[in-house]
Each structure stands twice: as structure tokens, then as C-alpha cells.
Amino acid sequence: MNTKIYYPAVFQKEDVGYSVWVPDINGCVSQGDTLKEAVDYITEAIGLCLETYLEHNVTPQKPTPPEDIVVEKGQFVSVIAFDILEYQKKYGTKAVKKTLTIPAWLNTLAEKNNVNFSSLLQTALMQELNLA
């Protein structure tokens, strides 16, 4: 399962560090004192922006090919690999209640053995989705 999206970002050297923005995501801007910081911060900004899009049912624009991005003197384009699944694992900690049905005999046996249903379901889902 490929969960990465590759967005071209425009970097501009400043007196201290770099300004950076993603032309395909309105308002996705950041900066860093070093190139590494700028890359890290714009990656987080992409996540925040895409999360906002999802909350408002907005479909994000497909990334523009990097060679189609026009830059000015002193700017350069670099592609940022953004992994949606990794971002959600890191920040999507909100629990969701699920109702499920199992046979009564299985429920009784599991309760007698102190099975943690939530933990077991999470583990099983991770295995089923090849995430474990």
C-alpha cells in the first residue's frame, strides 16, 4: 500500500535559513534556520493543510510535476515525500468507538481470560492491513 504523495516545494534562501512553500497547497508555507529544518517543517505543514482539507471535504490538487514549477533567481524546487499513513499514525490519536458482534460463548471465554478487546482488534487490523 503506497501512502506517499510527492509535492514539489519551492525553497528560497533568506538571510537566516530558508523560506519554503508548496505551490499546490494554498497557504502551505514554512521556514527553517537550516535546510533540514525547512524540509521537516514544510512536511509537517503539508500534513496540517491536508488534514484541514479532509475536515472540510476539500479534494487536494494533484502535485504539479517539479519541472513545471517556475522559480525566480535564488529559489529552487525540491520534492517533499509526504506519507499520509505515517502522519496519521503520529498525530491521529483520537479514539473511535466501534460496535461489533461476536458469539456469546466466545465473549464469555474471552472475558474469563481477561482479553482486552480493543487491543486485540487493533492488533488484528494492523496484521490484516499489513501494517504490523
Protein backbone atom coordinates (compact mmCIF):
# COMPACT_ATOMS: atom_id res chain seq x y z
CA MET A 1 0.00 0.00 0.00
CA ASN A 2 1.65 3.21 -1.18
CA THR A 3 0.65 6.07 1.10
CA LYS A 4 3.18 8.64 -0.09
CA ILE A 5 2.45 11.79 -2.04
CA TYR A 6 5.32 13.73 -3.63
CA TYR A 7 4.84 17.50 -3.56
CA PRO A 8 7.27 19.93 -5.15
CA ALA A 9 8.23 22.70 -2.75
CA VAL A 10 9.92 26.00 -3.55
CA PHE A 11 12.81 26.97 -1.29
CA GLN A 12 14.27 30.43 -1.03
CA LYS A 13 17.47 31.25 0.82
CA GLU A 14 16.97 34.04 3.35
CA ASP A 15 19.47 36.00 5.48
CA VAL A 16 18.94 33.27 8.06
CA GLY A 17 17.71 29.92 6.80
CA TYR A 18 15.08 29.19 4.17
CA SER A 19 11.51 30.10 3.37
CA VAL A 20 9.57 27.28 1.76
CA TRP A 21 6.11 26.82 0.27
CA VAL A 22 4.13 24.23 -1.66
CA PRO A 23 2.51 25.86 -4.70
CA ASP A 24 -0.14 23.11 -4.98
CA ILE A 25 -1.43 23.59 -1.43
CA ASN A 26 -2.88 27.02 -0.74
CA GLY A 27 -1.36 28.50 2.42
CA CYS A 28 1.23 25.74 2.89
CA VAL A 29 4.26 27.79 3.91
CA SER A 30 7.02 27.42 6.46
CA GLN A 31 10.63 28.27 7.15
CA GLY A 32 13.63 26.87 8.93
CA ASP A 33 17.00 28.10 10.12
CA THR A 34 18.63 25.22 8.24
CA LEU A 35 17.67 23.31 5.11
CA LYS A 36 16.86 20.24 7.23
CA GLU A 37 14.57 22.29 9.47
CA ALA A 38 12.85 23.81 6.44
CA VAL A 39 12.22 20.33 4.98
CA ASP A 40 10.96 18.98 8.33
CA TYR A 41 8.68 21.97 8.92
CA ILE A 42 7.19 22.02 5.42
CA THR A 43 6.49 18.30 5.73
CA GLU A 44 4.52 18.98 8.92
CA ALA A 45 2.78 21.91 7.22
CA ILE A 46 1.69 19.62 4.37
CA GLY A 47 0.13 17.30 6.94
CA LEU A 48 -1.72 20.12 8.68
CA CYS A 49 -3.01 21.50 5.40
CA LEU A 50 -4.17 18.12 4.09
CA GLU A 51 -5.82 17.39 7.44
CA THR A 52 -7.74 20.67 7.13
CA TYR A 53 -8.75 19.75 3.58
CA LEU A 54 -10.12 16.41 4.80
CA GLU A 55 -12.06 18.07 7.63
CA HIS A 56 -13.73 20.38 5.10
CA ASN A 57 -14.22 17.72 2.38
CA VAL A 58 -11.87 19.54 0.01
CA THR A 59 -10.01 17.42 -2.51
CA PRO A 60 -6.37 18.49 -2.70
CA GLN A 61 -4.89 19.39 -6.06
CA LYS A 62 -2.65 16.75 -7.62
CA PRO A 63 1.03 17.62 -7.32
CA THR A 64 2.46 19.57 -10.23
CA PRO A 65 5.46 17.94 -11.90
CA PRO A 66 8.57 19.63 -10.44
CA GLU A 67 9.85 20.58 -13.88
CA ASP A 68 6.69 22.67 -14.41
CA ILE A 69 7.32 24.87 -11.35
CA VAL A 70 8.69 28.28 -12.34
CA VAL A 71 11.14 29.75 -9.85
CA GLU A 72 12.89 33.07 -9.54
CA LYS A 73 16.59 33.71 -9.05
CA GLY A 74 17.72 32.38 -5.66
CA GLN A 75 14.92 29.80 -5.47
CA PHE A 76 15.00 26.09 -6.09
CA VAL A 77 12.49 23.24 -6.19
CA SER A 78 12.79 20.09 -4.14
CA VAL A 79 10.30 17.26 -3.92
CA ILE A 80 8.89 16.50 -0.47
CA ALA A 81 7.76 12.92 0.15
CA PHE A 82 4.76 13.06 2.44
CA ASP A 83 3.50 9.79 3.94
CA ILE A 84 -0.16 10.18 4.87
CA LEU A 85 -0.28 6.96 6.89
CA GLU A 86 2.80 7.84 8.95
CA TYR A 87 1.38 11.31 9.63
CA GLN A 88 -1.94 9.82 10.76
CA LYS A 89 -0.16 7.28 12.98
CA LYS A 90 1.82 10.09 14.61
CA TYR A 91 -0.98 12.62 15.07
CA GLY A 92 -4.26 10.73 14.64
CA THR A 93 -4.60 9.60 18.23
CA LYS A 94 -8.33 10.26 18.55
CA ALA A 95 -10.09 7.03 19.51
CA VAL A 96 -13.14 5.87 17.56
CA LYS A 97 -15.74 3.70 19.22
CA LYS A 98 -16.80 0.65 17.20
CA THR A 99 -19.68 -1.70 17.90
CA LEU A 100 -19.19 -5.31 16.91
CA THR A 101 -20.95 -8.62 17.29
CA ILE A 102 -19.40 -11.92 18.38
CA PRO A 103 -20.97 -15.18 19.58
CA ALA A 104 -21.89 -15.14 23.29
CA TRP A 105 -19.78 -18.23 24.04
CA LEU A 106 -16.70 -16.51 22.56
CA ASN A 107 -17.37 -13.34 24.55
CA THR A 108 -17.69 -15.35 27.77
CA LEU A 109 -14.46 -17.26 27.13
CA ALA A 110 -12.56 -14.09 26.21
CA GLU A 111 -13.78 -12.25 29.31
CA LYS A 112 -12.78 -15.20 31.54
CA ASN A 113 -9.30 -14.95 30.03
CA ASN A 114 -9.12 -11.16 30.50
CA VAL A 115 -8.85 -10.43 26.78
CA ASN A 116 -8.54 -6.73 26.00
CA PHE A 117 -10.94 -6.48 23.05
CA SER A 118 -9.72 -3.05 21.89
CA SER A 119 -6.09 -4.10 21.89
CA LEU A 120 -6.86 -7.39 20.15
CA LEU A 121 -8.91 -5.68 17.44
CA GLN A 122 -6.18 -3.09 16.83
CA THR A 123 -3.55 -5.82 16.55
CA ALA A 124 -5.71 -7.89 14.21
CA LEU A 125 -6.46 -4.88 11.99
CA MET A 126 -2.79 -3.96 11.78
CA GLN A 127 -1.96 -7.53 10.72
CA GLU A 128 -4.84 -7.70 8.26
CA LEU A 129 -3.74 -4.44 6.64
CA ASN A 130 -0.06 -5.49 6.62
CA LEU A 131 0.89 -2.63 8.92
CA ALA A 132 2.37 -4.72 11.73
